[in-house]
Protein backbone atom coordinates (compact mmCIF):
# COMPACT_ATOMS: atom_id res chain seq x y z
CA UNK A 1 29.28 8.41 -7.91
CA UNK A 2 29.81 4.62 -6.78
CA UNK A 3 25.87 4.62 -5.37
CA UNK A 4 24.81 5.85 -8.60
CA UNK A 5 26.74 3.12 -10.76
CA UNK A 6 24.83 0.90 -8.28
CA UNK A 7 21.69 1.75 -8.88
CA UNK A 8 18.75 -0.38 -10.06
CA UNK A 9 17.75 1.62 -13.00
CA UNK A 10 14.88 -1.11 -13.65
CA UNK A 11 13.08 0.00 -10.73
CA UNK A 12 13.86 3.97 -11.11
CA UNK A 13 12.38 3.43 -14.06
CA UNK A 14 9.13 2.05 -13.18
CA UNK A 15 8.81 4.40 -10.21
CA UNK A 16 9.22 7.37 -12.80
CA UNK A 17 6.57 5.76 -15.45
CA UNK A 18 4.18 5.47 -12.77
CA UNK A 19 5.00 9.05 -11.78
CA UNK A 20 4.05 10.28 -15.15
CA UNK A 21 0.94 8.02 -15.60
CA UNK A 22 -0.05 9.48 -12.15
CA UNK A 23 0.06 12.89 -12.64
CA UNK A 24 -1.56 12.47 -15.73
CA UNK A 25 -4.44 10.66 -14.67
CA UNK A 26 -4.69 12.83 -11.66
CA UNK A 27 -4.98 15.97 -13.76
CA UNK A 28 -8.07 14.65 -15.79
CA UNK A 29 -9.71 14.10 -12.30
CA UNK A 30 -9.18 17.38 -10.79
CA UNK A 31 -8.77 20.20 -13.62
CA UNK A 32 -12.07 21.02 -13.28
CA UNK A 33 -12.54 20.93 -9.89
CA UNK A 34 -9.62 21.54 -7.70
CA UNK A 35 -6.63 21.89 -9.81
CA UNK A 36 -4.37 22.98 -7.15
CA UNK A 37 -4.47 19.51 -5.83
CA UNK A 38 -2.26 18.38 -8.75
CA UNK A 39 0.16 21.10 -8.12
CA UNK A 40 0.22 19.74 -4.24
CA UNK A 41 0.70 16.42 -5.58
CA UNK A 42 3.49 17.51 -7.66
CA UNK A 43 5.12 18.59 -4.20
CA UNK A 44 4.74 15.18 -2.92
CA UNK A 45 6.27 13.78 -5.48
CA UNK A 46 9.39 15.76 -5.09
CA UNK A 47 9.13 15.34 -1.38
CA UNK A 48 9.15 11.38 -1.80
CA UNK A 49 11.72 11.73 -4.17
CA UNK A 50 13.92 13.33 -1.84
CA UNK A 51 13.23 10.79 0.77
CA UNK A 52 13.91 8.28 -1.74
CA UNK A 53 17.46 9.34 -2.60
CA UNK A 54 18.23 10.05 0.91
CA UNK A 55 17.43 6.17 1.90
CA UNK A 56 19.49 4.96 -0.70
CA UNK A 57 22.26 6.19 1.19
CA UNK A 58 21.44 4.73 4.36
CA UNK A 59 22.96 1.51 5.35
CA UNK A 60 20.36 -1.32 6.27
CA UNK A 61 22.53 -2.02 9.13
CA UNK A 62 21.36 1.04 10.47
CA UNK A 63 18.16 0.55 9.72
CA UNK A 64 18.18 -2.86 11.34
CA UNK A 65 19.04 -0.44 14.71
CA UNK A 66 16.73 2.17 14.17
CA UNK A 67 13.34 0.12 13.07
CA UNK A 68 12.61 -0.38 16.70
CA UNK A 69 12.28 3.54 17.76
CA UNK A 70 10.33 3.87 14.54
CA UNK A 71 7.88 1.54 15.52
CA UNK A 72 7.43 2.98 18.59
CA UNK A 73 7.38 6.37 17.16
CA UNK A 74 4.28 5.23 14.80
CA UNK A 75 2.65 3.44 17.69
CA UNK A 76 2.91 6.96 19.57
CA UNK A 77 1.41 8.69 17.16
CA UNK A 78 -1.42 6.37 16.67
CA UNK A 79 -2.23 6.54 20.04
CA UNK A 80 -2.59 10.43 19.82
CA UNK A 81 -5.31 10.39 17.12
CA UNK A 82 -8.02 9.46 19.14
CA UNK A 83 -7.24 12.06 21.41
CA UNK A 84 -6.11 15.07 19.05
CA UNK A 85 -7.06 13.72 15.61
CA UNK A 86 -8.75 15.40 12.88
CA UNK A 87 -11.72 13.86 11.86
CA UNK A 88 -12.57 14.12 8.08
CA UNK A 89 -15.57 11.61 6.52
CA UNK A 90 -16.61 10.46 9.49
CA UNK A 91 -13.22 8.82 10.44
CA UNK A 92 -10.51 10.10 12.60
CA UNK A 93 -7.31 8.91 10.90
CA UNK A 94 -4.93 12.41 10.80
CA UNK A 95 -2.83 14.54 13.14
CA UNK A 96 -2.84 18.26 11.84
CA UNK A 97 1.01 19.35 11.49
CA UNK A 98 -0.08 22.50 10.12
CA UNK A 99 1.83 22.31 6.99
CA UNK A 100 0.18 18.82 5.91
CA UNK A 101 -2.36 16.10 7.71
CA UNK A 102 -0.11 13.14 8.70
CA UNK A 103 -1.76 9.74 8.76
CA UNK A 104 0.38 7.55 11.48
CA UNK A 105 -1.19 4.52 10.01
CA UNK A 106 1.00 4.82 6.61
CA UNK A 107 4.34 4.94 8.72
CA UNK A 108 3.10 2.04 11.10
CA UNK A 109 2.70 -0.25 8.08
CA UNK A 110 6.01 0.19 6.96
CA UNK A 111 7.78 0.46 10.28
CA UNK A 112 5.81 -3.03 11.31
CA UNK A 113 7.79 -4.36 8.10
CA UNK A 114 11.14 -3.03 9.01
CA UNK A 115 10.70 -4.37 12.42
CA UNK A 116 9.33 -7.69 11.26
CA UNK A 117 12.46 -8.20 8.67
CA UNK A 118 14.54 -7.23 11.55
CA UNK A 119 13.05 -9.64 14.01
CA UNK A 120 13.43 -12.54 11.58
CA UNK A 121 16.75 -11.53 10.01
CA UNK A 122 18.38 -13.74 12.73
CA UNK A 123 15.50 -16.59 13.78
CA UNK A 124 13.25 -18.85 11.66
CA UNK A 125 9.42 -18.66 12.38
CA UNK A 126 9.68 -22.20 13.28
CA UNK A 127 7.05 -22.05 16.26
CA UNK A 128 4.88 -20.28 18.65
CA UNK A 129 7.93 -18.87 20.70
CA UNK A 130 9.47 -17.42 17.50
CA UNK A 131 6.00 -15.66 16.41
CA UNK A 132 4.48 -14.79 19.51
CA UNK A 133 5.97 -11.34 19.92
CA UNK A 134 5.45 -10.30 16.39
CA UNK A 135 1.66 -11.09 16.08
CA UNK A 136 1.81 -9.05 19.10
CA UNK A 137 3.23 -6.43 17.85
CA UNK A 138 1.18 -6.49 14.60
CA UNK A 139 -2.17 -7.07 16.46
CA UNK A 140 -1.60 -3.80 18.76
CA UNK A 141 -1.61 -1.45 16.03
CA UNK A 142 -4.13 -3.39 13.63
CA UNK A 143 -6.14 -2.90 16.83
CA UNK A 144 -5.46 0.74 16.77
CA UNK A 145 -6.19 1.40 13.35
CA UNK A 146 -9.57 -0.42 13.04
CA UNK A 147 -10.71 1.58 15.65
CA UNK A 148 -10.38 4.78 13.94
CA UNK A 149 -12.39 2.88 11.67
CA UNK A 150 -9.81 2.26 8.87
CA UNK A 151 -10.55 -1.41 7.86
CA UNK A 152 -8.67 -1.28 4.59
CA UNK A 153 -5.27 -0.30 6.15
CA UNK A 154 -5.79 -3.02 8.98
CA UNK A 155 -6.11 -5.18 6.05
CA UNK A 156 -2.57 -4.25 4.11
CA UNK A 157 -1.21 -4.04 7.65
CA UNK A 158 -1.97 -7.88 8.30
CA UNK A 159 -1.50 -9.33 5.02
CA UNK A 160 1.51 -7.82 4.45
CA UNK A 161 2.66 -9.10 8.21
CA UNK A 162 1.44 -12.22 7.52
CA UNK A 163 3.51 -12.39 3.67
CA UNK A 164 6.70 -11.61 5.94
CA UNK A 165 6.16 -14.41 8.47
CA UNK A 166 5.64 -16.98 5.97
CA UNK A 167 8.52 -15.85 3.94
CA UNK A 168 10.34 -16.30 7.05
CA UNK A 169 9.62 -20.09 7.27
CA UNK A 170 6.42 -20.45 9.07
CA UNK A 171 5.60 -24.28 8.97
CA UNK A 172 2.03 -25.07 7.09
CA UNK A 173 0.75 -26.70 10.18
CA UNK A 174 0.77 -23.24 11.89
CA UNK A 175 -0.32 -21.51 8.73
CA UNK A 176 -3.44 -23.86 8.71
CA UNK A 177 -4.10 -23.26 12.58
CA UNK A 178 -3.88 -19.48 11.79
CA UNK A 179 -6.13 -19.72 8.45
CA UNK A 180 -8.63 -21.82 10.69
CA UNK A 181 -8.67 -19.34 13.16
CA UNK A 182 -9.07 -16.46 11.41
CA UNK A 183 -12.16 -18.08 9.48
CA UNK A 184 -13.51 -18.63 12.85
CA UNK A 185 -13.38 -15.38 13.85
CA UNK A 186 -15.15 -13.56 11.24
CA UNK A 187 -18.73 -13.49 12.93
CA UNK A 188 -16.53 -11.74 15.64
CA UNK A 189 -15.53 -9.45 13.58
CA UNK A 190 -18.82 -9.02 11.72
CA UNK A 191 -20.30 -7.96 14.89
CA UNK A 192 -17.56 -5.26 15.85
CA UNK A 193 -18.06 -3.48 12.56
CA UNK A 194 -19.38 -0.40 12.05
CA UNK A 195 -23.29 -0.20 10.39
CA UNK A 196 -21.41 1.56 7.23
CA UNK A 197 -18.72 -1.05 6.72
CA UNK A 198 -21.72 -3.63 7.28
CA UNK A 199 -23.28 -1.78 4.53
CA UNK A 200 -20.63 -1.91 2.06
CA UNK A 201 -20.38 -5.85 2.49
CA UNK A 202 -23.68 -6.16 1.79
CA UNK A 203 -23.95 -3.89 -1.47
CA UNK A 204 -20.90 -5.54 -2.57
CA UNK A 205 -23.60 -8.88 -2.86
CA UNK A 206 -26.34 -6.15 -4.65
CA UNK A 207 -25.34 -2.62 -5.67
CA UNK A 208 -28.64 -2.12 -6.83
CA UNK A 209 -30.57 -2.42 -3.50
CA UNK A 210 -29.41 1.34 -2.66
CA UNK A 211 -28.57 2.63 -5.99
CA UNK A 212 -28.37 6.44 -4.42
CA UNK A 213 -26.85 5.44 -1.03
CA UNK A 214 -23.96 2.85 -0.66
CA UNK A 215 -24.22 1.09 -4.08
CA UNK A 216 -24.05 4.57 -5.74
CA UNK A 217 -19.74 4.69 -5.81
CA UNK A 218 -19.55 1.15 -7.20
CA UNK A 219 -22.44 1.71 -9.88
CA UNK A 220 -20.94 4.91 -11.38
CA UNK A 221 -17.58 3.31 -11.11
CA UNK A 222 -18.32 0.57 -13.12
CA UNK A 223 -20.24 2.63 -15.65
CA UNK A 224 -17.15 4.38 -15.96
CA UNK A 225 -14.79 1.60 -16.59
CA UNK A 226 -17.06 -0.01 -18.84
CA UNK A 227 -17.35 3.05 -21.53
CA UNK A 228 -13.81 3.43 -21.67
CA UNK A 229 -14.02 0.52 -24.23
CA UNK A 230 -11.13 -0.53 -25.69
CA UNK A 231 -9.23 3.20 -26.60
CA UNK A 232 -11.16 5.00 -24.02
CA UNK A 233 -13.13 8.40 -24.62
CA UNK A 234 -9.90 10.11 -24.84
CA UNK A 235 -7.88 12.62 -22.60
CA UNK A 236 -10.12 15.06 -20.24
CA UNK A 237 -13.23 13.79 -22.55
CA UNK A 238 -14.54 11.27 -19.52
CA UNK A 239 -17.95 12.30 -18.86
CA UNK A 240 -18.72 10.45 -15.40
CA UNK A 241 -15.44 12.38 -14.19
CA UNK A 242 -16.46 15.62 -16.04
CA UNK A 243 -19.79 15.99 -15.12
CA UNK A 244 -18.64 14.61 -11.45
CA UNK A 245 -20.72 11.86 -11.23
CA UNK A 246 -17.58 9.62 -9.51
CA UNK A 247 -17.12 10.13 -5.92
CA UNK A 248 -13.33 10.75 -4.42
CA UNK A 249 -12.27 10.57 -8.07
CA UNK A 250 -8.93 11.39 -7.47
CA UNK A 251 -8.24 9.56 -4.71
CA UNK A 252 -9.80 5.86 -4.07
CA UNK A 253 -12.03 6.20 -7.53
CA UNK A 254 -9.01 7.32 -9.82
CA UNK A 255 -8.59 4.40 -11.40
CA UNK A 256 -12.13 4.61 -12.93
CA UNK A 257 -10.90 7.97 -14.59
CA UNK A 258 -7.82 6.44 -15.80
CA UNK A 259 -9.84 3.27 -17.44
CA UNK A 260 -12.71 5.82 -19.02
CA UNK A 261 -10.66 8.00 -20.42
CA UNK A 262 -7.68 5.79 -21.54
CA UNK A 263 -9.73 2.58 -22.18
CA UNK A 264 -8.66 -1.05 -21.84
CA UNK A 265 -5.10 0.26 -23.20
CA UNK A 266 -4.49 2.36 -20.45
CA UNK A 267 -4.93 0.02 -17.80
CA UNK A 268 -3.37 -2.81 -19.95
CA UNK A 269 0.11 -0.17 -19.30
CA UNK A 270 -0.92 0.92 -15.82
CA UNK A 271 -0.72 -3.05 -14.82
CA UNK A 272 2.33 -3.65 -16.90
CA UNK A 273 4.34 -0.85 -14.68
CA UNK A 274 2.92 -2.33 -11.64
CA UNK A 275 4.11 -6.15 -12.43
CA UNK A 276 7.48 -4.25 -13.73
CA UNK A 277 7.80 -3.06 -10.13
CA UNK A 278 6.89 -5.60 -8.27
CA UNK A 279 8.89 -8.31 -9.87
CA UNK A 280 11.84 -5.92 -9.89
CA UNK A 281 11.31 -5.85 -6.00
CA UNK A 282 11.10 -9.49 -5.42
CA UNK A 283 14.21 -10.02 -8.02
CA UNK A 284 15.83 -7.65 -5.78
CA UNK A 285 15.08 -9.71 -2.47
CA UNK A 286 16.07 -13.00 -4.29
CA UNK A 287 19.50 -11.47 -5.23
CA UNK A 288 19.84 -9.79 -1.68
CA UNK A 289 23.02 -10.62 0.41
CA UNK A 290 21.08 -10.44 3.50
CA UNK A 291 18.45 -11.88 4.97
CA UNK A 292 17.37 -8.79 6.28
CA UNK A 293 16.93 -7.19 2.98
CA UNK A 294 15.28 -9.98 1.17
CA UNK A 295 12.50 -10.37 3.70
CA UNK A 296 12.04 -6.43 3.40
CA UNK A 297 11.76 -7.04 -0.26
CA UNK A 298 9.26 -9.71 -0.07
CA UNK A 299 7.13 -7.28 2.88
CA UNK A 300 6.90 -4.29 0.44
CA UNK A 301 6.18 -6.39 -2.39
CA UNK A 302 3.20 -7.82 -0.49
CA UNK A 303 1.93 -4.47 0.31
CA UNK A 304 2.19 -3.13 -3.06
CA UNK A 305 0.11 -6.43 -4.26
CA UNK A 306 -2.71 -6.10 -1.62
CA UNK A 307 -2.96 -2.35 -2.54
CA UNK A 308 -3.17 -2.42 -5.97
CA UNK A 309 -5.65 -5.76 -5.84
CA UNK A 310 -7.95 -4.28 -3.27
CA UNK A 311 -8.06 -1.05 -4.91
CA UNK A 312 -8.73 -2.10 -8.41
CA UNK A 313 -11.30 -4.76 -7.06
CA UNK A 314 -12.96 -2.45 -5.18
CA UNK A 315 -13.88 0.13 -8.08
CA UNK A 316 -14.58 -2.89 -10.19
CA UNK A 317 -17.20 -3.80 -7.78
CA UNK A 318 -15.35 -7.24 -6.96
CA UNK A 319 -14.13 -6.18 -3.49
CA UNK A 320 -16.17 -3.97 -0.91
CA UNK A 321 -15.00 -0.20 -0.40
CA UNK A 322 -12.64 -0.25 2.34
CA UNK A 323 -11.15 2.99 1.08
CA UNK A 324 -7.47 2.17 -0.06
CA UNK A 325 -5.56 4.39 -2.31
CA UNK A 326 -4.18 2.96 -5.75
CA UNK A 327 0.09 3.33 -5.54
CA UNK A 328 1.76 6.12 -7.28
CA UNK A 329 -1.79 7.48 -8.75
CA UNK A 330 -4.07 8.34 -6.02
CA UNK A 331 -4.03 11.38 -4.45
CA UNK A 332 -2.36 11.98 -1.25
CA UNK A 333 0.85 12.96 0.66
CA UNK A 334 1.54 10.71 3.37
CA UNK A 335 0.81 7.45 1.53
CA UNK A 336 3.11 8.92 -1.57
CA UNK A 337 5.76 9.44 0.48
CA UNK A 338 5.92 6.56 2.38
CA UNK A 339 5.60 4.37 -0.74
CA UNK A 340 8.66 6.34 -2.39
CA UNK A 341 10.33 5.73 0.91
CA UNK A 342 9.66 1.96 0.70
CA UNK A 343 10.88 2.08 -2.85
CA UNK A 344 13.78 4.23 -1.68
CA UNK A 345 14.81 0.98 0.84
CA UNK A 346 14.62 -1.68 -1.86
CA UNK A 347 16.99 0.58 -3.82
CA UNK A 348 19.28 0.10 -1.00
CA UNK A 349 19.02 -3.39 -0.71
CA UNK A 350 19.70 -3.44 -4.30
CA UNK A 351 22.82 -1.60 -3.95
CA UNK A 352 24.21 -3.09 -0.84
CA UNK A 353 23.94 -6.67 -3.05
CA UNK A 354 25.36 -5.32 -6.44
CA UNK A 355 28.57 -7.52 -6.87
CA UNK A 356 28.10 -9.73 -3.76
CA UNK A 357 27.12 -13.59 -2.98
CA UNK A 358 23.11 -13.56 -2.63
CA UNK A 359 21.85 -14.85 0.53
CA UNK A 360 20.90 -18.43 0.75
CA UNK A 361 18.20 -19.87 3.57
CA UNK A 362 20.65 -21.41 6.06
CA UNK A 363 21.16 -25.11 5.73
CA UNK A 364 21.25 -24.81 1.82
CA UNK A 365 24.27 -25.90 -0.13
CA UNK A 366 25.56 -22.49 -1.15
CA UNK A 367 24.83 -20.90 2.27
């Protein structure tokens, strides 16, 4: 009962709002093709909320103790993917568990956030000595994930880790060196990219160069988004989705279904829910009574920001197609359950911080 009184109801309301909008949009995307996916997603939501609720009762100090074993388990699962992983659409990213396909990279994203938050909970990122181990522990899983290949998840992993390290006090001098090194490594990255990944980048510059091949996804998606107008074509009346012109319309390109049928109003509603979620996570992090909880919220918020930005930019033709789901909207069990688990930890931060003095950076007048 004490936990219920300490819940952050704004955070919970934003998640429930996204759940309703996500299930409605998914129904519109699959009801003519494979309606079983809608029922499965409902089961995933149920499982995810169970994980969410369970993590609300897990003390953060316990999470700090298990973050290293969690990271090790996620790393082991990533190592198993090249050996026994299932291949779907030319990529080996999943492990078949019988009842469901598990994507270890989804677990690693959150395990890495927990590990980095725990690492910097007792130290500042002021020099190479403090950041060398976290960088190595980030690069190792990133290399395994990009080999699957999964460029989108790799970018999320690197972006969220960078945001957390910056929040931990990384000096601007070291940040500048890292940015220059990253830009200098782009030719090397291009050399190791797969042919289809290179084609996606080139197609971004000129989708019409291959309208029936690499540019097909973006062209059909932008047609759907543009045809929605202000109010949309109406629920279950989107022609691009109904006639199956949209590829992967229930996963990566589900935003196009929402924009076509709900128009600008539905898109604005979705972005409002996302803004509420992210600002609430950052607010909870700001009010956290521990450095660990504060950094954890920053890392989780950064991950959501990149997911949302890249997915919407991808389907709008702004970014290359990299295969990132739209949080809480796209179909998928691994991503949904892990995202709900992450927000459950944010809720735990809020519960432990209720009525306590917020954490302050060492050396500040209120510390």
